[in-house]
Amino acid sequence: MNRPHKTPGKLHPITVEPEPARVVVRAGGRVIADTTAALTLKESVYPAVRYIPLSDVDPAVLRPSTKQTYCPYKGDASYYSLVVTRPDTGETEELTDAVWTYEQPYPAVEAIASHVAFYPDQVEITVGE
């Protein structure tokens, strides 16, 4: 399949920079990621996205998903669902396709390889805790 591959520029800028603050992600009332090594990706007019090293995410909560998407600026994205047990009730909940990653991102954003991002409407993301 021949898909477009676009390079960020004046009309569609993308920057990736180290996030100077600590980033904590919570789901189901518990911490699932905690890092001081996050990256902040700013793309055009979209809200900034924190990319967290996969090594700083609790692997017990990640379940590979079959969902895949494509971005002409970043490449192929794959997804994870989160399976968390709430500490207050002991109930397990699944947040479907709540996490995405670019395993082999395009060169302009290669820094986000081995990092994941979370949908902020499915988890709580705190910056500067």
N, C-alpha and C. Protein backbone atom coordinates (compact mmCIF):
# COMPACT_ATOMS: atom_id res chain seq x y z
N MET A 1 0.85 -1.17 0.00
CA MET A 1 0.00 0.00 0.00
C MET A 1 0.90 1.24 0.00
N ASN A 2 0.62 2.15 -0.90
CA ASN A 2 1.41 3.38 -1.01
C ASN A 2 0.66 4.51 -0.31
N ARG A 3 1.18 4.90 0.85
CA ARG A 3 0.54 5.96 1.63
C ARG A 3 1.41 7.20 1.60
N PRO A 4 0.80 8.36 1.74
CA PRO A 4 1.60 9.59 1.71
C PRO A 4 2.51 9.68 2.93
N HIS A 5 3.70 10.21 2.71
CA HIS A 5 4.66 10.46 3.79
C HIS A 5 5.00 11.94 3.72
N LYS A 6 4.55 12.67 4.73
CA LYS A 6 4.74 14.11 4.74
C LYS A 6 5.80 14.52 5.74
N THR A 7 6.50 15.59 5.44
CA THR A 7 7.53 16.13 6.32
C THR A 7 6.99 17.38 7.00
N PRO A 8 7.13 17.47 8.32
CA PRO A 8 6.68 18.68 9.01
C PRO A 8 7.37 19.92 8.45
N GLY A 9 6.68 21.04 8.48
CA GLY A 9 7.23 22.29 7.98
C GLY A 9 6.41 23.47 8.47
N LYS A 10 6.53 24.58 7.79
CA LYS A 10 5.84 25.81 8.20
C LYS A 10 4.33 25.65 8.31
N LEU A 11 3.74 24.95 7.37
CA LEU A 11 2.29 24.80 7.35
C LEU A 11 1.79 23.75 8.34
N HIS A 12 2.66 22.83 8.72
CA HIS A 12 2.30 21.76 9.67
C HIS A 12 3.53 21.46 10.53
N PRO A 13 3.83 22.34 11.49
CA PRO A 13 5.03 22.13 12.30
C PRO A 13 4.84 21.03 13.34
N ILE A 14 5.91 20.31 13.60
CA ILE A 14 5.94 19.32 14.68
C ILE A 14 7.26 19.49 15.42
N THR A 15 7.18 19.58 16.74
CA THR A 15 8.39 19.60 17.55
C THR A 15 8.29 18.51 18.61
N VAL A 16 9.43 17.96 18.97
CA VAL A 16 9.52 16.97 20.05
C VAL A 16 10.63 17.46 20.97
N GLU A 17 10.26 17.70 22.22
CA GLU A 17 11.23 18.22 23.19
C GLU A 17 11.11 17.48 24.51
N PRO A 18 12.21 17.39 25.26
CA PRO A 18 12.12 16.77 26.59
C PRO A 18 11.15 17.56 27.47
N GLU A 19 10.34 16.85 28.22
CA GLU A 19 9.42 17.47 29.17
C GLU A 19 10.19 17.65 30.48
N PRO A 20 10.37 18.89 30.92
CA PRO A 20 11.19 19.12 32.13
C PRO A 20 10.53 18.66 33.43
N ALA A 21 9.20 18.51 33.43
CA ALA A 21 8.48 18.14 34.65
C ALA A 21 8.21 16.64 34.72
N ARG A 22 7.97 16.18 35.91
CA ARG A 22 7.57 14.79 36.12
C ARG A 22 6.16 14.60 35.56
N VAL A 23 5.92 13.45 34.93
CA VAL A 23 4.60 13.13 34.38
C VAL A 23 4.12 11.84 35.03
N VAL A 24 2.91 11.89 35.58
CA VAL A 24 2.31 10.72 36.22
C VAL A 24 0.98 10.44 35.53
N VAL A 25 0.74 9.16 35.21
CA VAL A 25 -0.51 8.75 34.58
C VAL A 25 -1.23 7.79 35.52
N ARG A 26 -2.51 8.05 35.74
CA ARG A 26 -3.33 7.20 36.60
C ARG A 26 -4.52 6.67 35.80
N ALA A 27 -4.86 5.43 36.10
CA ALA A 27 -6.05 4.81 35.52
C ALA A 27 -6.66 3.91 36.57
N GLY A 28 -7.96 3.93 36.68
CA GLY A 28 -8.61 3.08 37.66
C GLY A 28 -8.19 3.37 39.08
N GLY A 29 -7.79 4.62 39.34
CA GLY A 29 -7.41 5.01 40.69
C GLY A 29 -6.01 4.61 41.11
N ARG A 30 -5.19 4.17 40.17
CA ARG A 30 -3.82 3.79 40.52
C ARG A 30 -2.82 4.35 39.51
N VAL A 31 -1.58 4.51 39.95
CA VAL A 31 -0.52 4.99 39.08
C VAL A 31 -0.11 3.87 38.13
N ILE A 32 -0.13 4.17 36.83
CA ILE A 32 0.29 3.18 35.84
C ILE A 32 1.55 3.60 35.09
N ALA A 33 1.92 4.89 35.22
CA ALA A 33 3.16 5.38 34.61
C ALA A 33 3.65 6.56 35.43
N ASP A 34 4.96 6.63 35.58
CA ASP A 34 5.59 7.70 36.36
C ASP A 34 6.97 7.92 35.77
N THR A 35 7.23 9.15 35.29
CA THR A 35 8.50 9.38 34.61
C THR A 35 8.99 10.81 34.75
N THR A 36 10.28 10.95 34.66
CA THR A 36 10.92 12.26 34.53
C THR A 36 11.63 12.33 33.18
N ALA A 37 11.27 11.41 32.29
CA ALA A 37 11.92 11.33 30.97
C ALA A 37 10.91 11.41 29.83
N ALA A 38 9.79 12.07 30.05
CA ALA A 38 8.77 12.19 29.00
C ALA A 38 9.23 13.16 27.91
N LEU A 39 8.61 13.03 26.77
CA LEU A 39 8.80 13.95 25.66
C LEU A 39 7.47 14.64 25.39
N THR A 40 7.52 15.91 25.01
CA THR A 40 6.31 16.63 24.63
C THR A 40 6.34 16.85 23.13
N LEU A 41 5.32 16.32 22.45
CA LEU A 41 5.21 16.50 21.00
C LEU A 41 4.13 17.55 20.77
N LYS A 42 4.51 18.59 20.05
CA LYS A 42 3.57 19.63 19.65
C LYS A 42 3.42 19.55 18.14
N GLU A 43 2.18 19.38 17.70
CA GLU A 43 1.91 19.22 16.27
C GLU A 43 0.85 20.22 15.83
N SER A 44 1.27 21.14 14.97
CA SER A 44 0.37 22.11 14.35
C SER A 44 -0.54 22.75 15.39
N VAL A 45 -1.84 22.67 15.21
CA VAL A 45 -2.80 23.32 16.11
C VAL A 45 -3.35 22.37 17.17
N TYR A 46 -2.85 21.14 17.21
CA TYR A 46 -3.36 20.14 18.15
C TYR A 46 -2.78 20.35 19.55
N PRO A 47 -3.50 19.86 20.57
CA PRO A 47 -2.95 19.95 21.93
C PRO A 47 -1.64 19.16 22.05
N ALA A 48 -0.74 19.62 22.90
CA ALA A 48 0.52 18.92 23.14
C ALA A 48 0.24 17.53 23.70
N VAL A 49 1.08 16.57 23.30
CA VAL A 49 0.94 15.19 23.76
C VAL A 49 2.23 14.78 24.46
N ARG A 50 2.10 14.20 25.66
CA ARG A 50 3.26 13.68 26.38
C ARG A 50 3.47 12.23 25.96
N TYR A 51 4.68 11.94 25.52
CA TYR A 51 5.08 10.57 25.19
C TYR A 51 5.98 10.07 26.31
N ILE A 52 5.61 8.95 26.89
CA ILE A 52 6.28 8.40 28.05
C ILE A 52 7.08 7.17 27.64
N PRO A 53 8.32 7.05 28.13
CA PRO A 53 9.09 5.84 27.80
C PRO A 53 8.30 4.59 28.21
N LEU A 54 8.23 3.63 27.32
CA LEU A 54 7.51 2.39 27.61
C LEU A 54 8.06 1.73 28.87
N SER A 55 9.33 1.90 29.12
CA SER A 55 9.96 1.30 30.31
C SER A 55 9.46 1.93 31.62
N ASP A 56 8.78 3.08 31.54
CA ASP A 56 8.24 3.74 32.74
C ASP A 56 6.73 3.50 32.91
N VAL A 57 6.20 2.56 32.15
CA VAL A 57 4.78 2.19 32.24
C VAL A 57 4.70 0.79 32.84
N ASP A 58 3.77 0.60 33.76
CA ASP A 58 3.56 -0.71 34.37
C ASP A 58 3.16 -1.71 33.28
N PRO A 59 4.02 -2.69 32.96
CA PRO A 59 3.70 -3.61 31.87
C PRO A 59 2.50 -4.51 32.17
N ALA A 60 2.16 -4.67 33.44
CA ALA A 60 1.05 -5.54 33.81
C ALA A 60 -0.30 -5.00 33.35
N VAL A 61 -0.39 -3.70 33.06
CA VAL A 61 -1.68 -3.11 32.67
C VAL A 61 -1.86 -3.02 31.16
N LEU A 62 -0.82 -3.29 30.39
CA LEU A 62 -0.88 -3.14 28.93
C LEU A 62 -1.31 -4.44 28.25
N ARG A 63 -2.30 -4.33 27.37
CA ARG A 63 -2.72 -5.45 26.54
C ARG A 63 -2.66 -5.00 25.08
N PRO A 64 -1.86 -5.67 24.24
CA PRO A 64 -1.81 -5.28 22.83
C PRO A 64 -3.20 -5.32 22.20
N SER A 65 -3.46 -4.37 21.36
CA SER A 65 -4.73 -4.26 20.65
C SER A 65 -4.50 -4.56 19.18
N THR A 66 -5.56 -4.84 18.47
CA THR A 66 -5.43 -5.04 17.03
C THR A 66 -5.58 -3.74 16.26
N LYS A 67 -5.96 -2.67 16.95
CA LYS A 67 -6.16 -1.39 16.28
C LYS A 67 -4.83 -0.84 15.75
N GLN A 68 -4.89 -0.30 14.55
CA GLN A 68 -3.74 0.38 13.95
C GLN A 68 -4.25 1.59 13.19
N THR A 69 -3.45 2.66 13.20
CA THR A 69 -3.79 3.84 12.43
C THR A 69 -2.52 4.34 11.73
N TYR A 70 -2.71 5.31 10.87
CA TYR A 70 -1.58 5.85 10.13
C TYR A 70 -1.62 7.37 10.16
N CYS A 71 -0.47 7.97 10.40
CA CYS A 71 -0.32 9.42 10.31
C CYS A 71 0.74 9.71 9.26
N PRO A 72 0.45 10.54 8.27
CA PRO A 72 1.45 10.80 7.23
C PRO A 72 2.69 11.52 7.74
N TYR A 73 2.63 12.11 8.94
CA TYR A 73 3.78 12.81 9.51
C TYR A 73 4.58 11.95 10.48
N LYS A 74 3.91 10.95 11.08
CA LYS A 74 4.59 10.16 12.12
C LYS A 74 4.75 8.69 11.75
N GLY A 75 3.86 8.14 10.94
CA GLY A 75 3.97 6.75 10.53
C GLY A 75 2.83 5.89 11.07
N ASP A 76 3.10 4.59 11.21
CA ASP A 76 2.09 3.63 11.66
C ASP A 76 2.03 3.60 13.18
N ALA A 77 0.83 3.70 13.71
CA ALA A 77 0.62 3.62 15.16
C ALA A 77 -0.06 2.30 15.50
N SER A 78 0.39 1.72 16.59
CA SER A 78 -0.30 0.55 17.14
C SER A 78 -0.80 0.93 18.54
N TYR A 79 -1.71 0.12 19.05
CA TYR A 79 -2.42 0.49 20.27
C TYR A 79 -2.34 -0.58 21.35
N TYR A 80 -2.58 -0.12 22.57
CA TYR A 80 -2.73 -1.00 23.72
C TYR A 80 -4.05 -0.63 24.40
N SER A 81 -4.67 -1.60 25.01
CA SER A 81 -5.75 -1.35 25.94
C SER A 81 -5.14 -1.44 27.33
N LEU A 82 -5.78 -0.79 28.28
CA LEU A 82 -5.34 -0.84 29.68
C LEU A 82 -6.30 -1.72 30.46
N VAL A 83 -5.75 -2.65 31.22
CA VAL A 83 -6.54 -3.48 32.10
C VAL A 83 -6.06 -3.21 33.52
N VAL A 84 -6.91 -2.56 34.30
CA VAL A 84 -6.52 -2.14 35.65
C VAL A 84 -7.51 -2.64 36.68
N THR A 85 -6.98 -2.98 37.85
CA THR A 85 -7.80 -3.35 38.98
C THR A 85 -7.85 -2.16 39.92
N ARG A 86 -9.05 -1.70 40.18
CA ARG A 86 -9.23 -0.53 41.05
C ARG A 86 -8.86 -0.90 42.48
N PRO A 87 -7.97 -0.12 43.11
CA PRO A 87 -7.59 -0.44 44.48
C PRO A 87 -8.73 -0.25 45.49
N ASP A 88 -9.69 0.62 45.17
CA ASP A 88 -10.78 0.89 46.12
C ASP A 88 -11.87 -0.17 46.10
N THR A 89 -12.10 -0.81 44.93
CA THR A 89 -13.19 -1.78 44.83
C THR A 89 -12.72 -3.19 44.49
N GLY A 90 -11.51 -3.31 43.97
CA GLY A 90 -11.01 -4.61 43.53
C GLY A 90 -11.56 -5.02 42.18
N GLU A 91 -12.39 -4.18 41.57
CA GLU A 91 -12.96 -4.50 40.26
C GLU A 91 -11.95 -4.22 39.16
N THR A 92 -11.99 -5.05 38.14
CA THR A 92 -11.11 -4.87 36.99
C THR A 92 -11.88 -4.16 35.89
N GLU A 93 -11.21 -3.18 35.28
CA GLU A 93 -11.83 -2.49 34.15
C GLU A 93 -10.85 -2.44 32.99
N GLU A 94 -11.40 -2.44 31.78
CA GLU A 94 -10.58 -2.34 30.57
C GLU A 94 -10.87 -1.04 29.86
N LEU A 95 -9.81 -0.32 29.55
CA LEU A 95 -9.91 0.91 28.78
C LEU A 95 -9.38 0.59 27.38
N THR A 96 -10.29 0.38 26.46
CA THR A 96 -9.96 -0.10 25.12
C THR A 96 -9.21 0.95 24.31
N ASP A 97 -8.08 0.55 23.74
CA ASP A 97 -7.29 1.40 22.84
C ASP A 97 -6.96 2.76 23.47
N ALA A 98 -6.60 2.77 24.72
CA ALA A 98 -6.32 4.00 25.46
C ALA A 98 -4.89 4.51 25.28
N VAL A 99 -4.05 3.69 24.68
CA VAL A 99 -2.62 3.99 24.56
C VAL A 99 -2.18 3.75 23.13
N TRP A 100 -1.33 4.63 22.61
CA TRP A 100 -0.80 4.38 21.27
C TRP A 100 0.71 4.59 21.26
N THR A 101 1.32 3.99 20.24
CA THR A 101 2.77 4.09 20.09
C THR A 101 3.13 4.03 18.62
N TYR A 102 4.22 4.68 18.28
CA TYR A 102 4.81 4.60 16.94
C TYR A 102 6.10 3.81 17.11
N GLU A 103 6.07 2.53 16.81
CA GLU A 103 7.24 1.68 17.03
C GLU A 103 8.40 2.05 16.11
N GLN A 104 8.07 2.45 14.89
CA GLN A 104 9.09 2.88 13.94
C GLN A 104 8.64 4.21 13.32
N PRO A 105 8.68 5.28 14.09
CA PRO A 105 8.21 6.57 13.59
C PRO A 105 9.10 7.10 12.47
N TYR A 106 8.55 8.01 11.70
CA TYR A 106 9.32 8.65 10.65
C TYR A 106 10.47 9.46 11.25
N PRO A 107 11.52 9.70 10.48
CA PRO A 107 12.71 10.38 11.00
C PRO A 107 12.45 11.71 11.71
N ALA A 108 11.49 12.50 11.25
CA ALA A 108 11.24 13.81 11.86
C ALA A 108 10.81 13.70 13.32
N VAL A 109 10.27 12.54 13.70
CA VAL A 109 9.80 12.35 15.09
C VAL A 109 10.39 11.08 15.70
N GLU A 110 11.56 10.68 15.23
CA GLU A 110 12.14 9.41 15.67
C GLU A 110 12.36 9.34 17.18
N ALA A 111 12.41 10.46 17.86
CA ALA A 111 12.61 10.47 19.31
C ALA A 111 11.48 9.78 20.06
N ILE A 112 10.28 9.69 19.47
CA ILE A 112 9.16 9.07 20.18
C ILE A 112 9.15 7.55 20.08
N ALA A 113 10.10 6.96 19.38
CA ALA A 113 10.21 5.50 19.36
C ALA A 113 10.40 5.01 20.79
N SER A 114 9.85 3.87 21.12
CA SER A 114 9.93 3.29 22.47
C SER A 114 9.20 4.11 23.51
N HIS A 115 8.28 4.95 23.07
CA HIS A 115 7.45 5.77 23.95
C HIS A 115 5.98 5.49 23.63
N VAL A 116 5.12 5.76 24.60
CA VAL A 116 3.68 5.63 24.41
C VAL A 116 2.99 6.91 24.83
N ALA A 117 1.80 7.11 24.29
CA ALA A 117 0.96 8.25 24.66
C ALA A 117 -0.40 7.72 25.09
N PHE A 118 -1.07 8.49 25.93
CA PHE A 118 -2.35 8.09 26.50
C PHE A 118 -3.44 9.08 26.11
N TYR A 119 -4.63 8.57 25.82
CA TYR A 119 -5.76 9.45 25.57
C TYR A 119 -6.19 10.09 26.89
N PRO A 120 -6.14 11.43 26.97
CA PRO A 120 -6.43 12.10 28.24
C PRO A 120 -7.88 11.98 28.70
N ASP A 121 -8.78 11.55 27.82
CA ASP A 121 -10.16 11.34 28.25
C ASP A 121 -10.36 9.94 28.86
N GLN A 122 -9.31 9.11 28.82
CA GLN A 122 -9.41 7.77 29.39
C GLN A 122 -8.56 7.58 30.64
N VAL A 123 -7.58 8.46 30.83
CA VAL A 123 -6.70 8.39 32.00
C VAL A 123 -6.53 9.79 32.58
N GLU A 124 -5.93 9.85 33.74
CA GLU A 124 -5.58 11.15 34.34
C GLU A 124 -4.09 11.37 34.15
N ILE A 125 -3.72 12.45 33.51
CA ILE A 125 -2.31 12.78 33.27
C ILE A 125 -1.98 14.02 34.08
N THR A 126 -0.99 13.90 34.95
CA THR A 126 -0.56 15.03 35.77
C THR A 126 0.87 15.39 35.39
N VAL A 127 1.08 16.66 35.10
CA VAL A 127 2.41 17.15 34.74
C VAL A 127 2.88 18.09 35.86
N GLY A 128 4.06 17.79 36.37
CA GLY A 128 4.62 18.67 37.41
C GLY A 128 4.23 18.27 38.81
N GLU A 129 3.93 17.02 39.01
CA GLU A 129 3.52 16.53 40.34
C GLU A 129 4.70 16.43 41.28
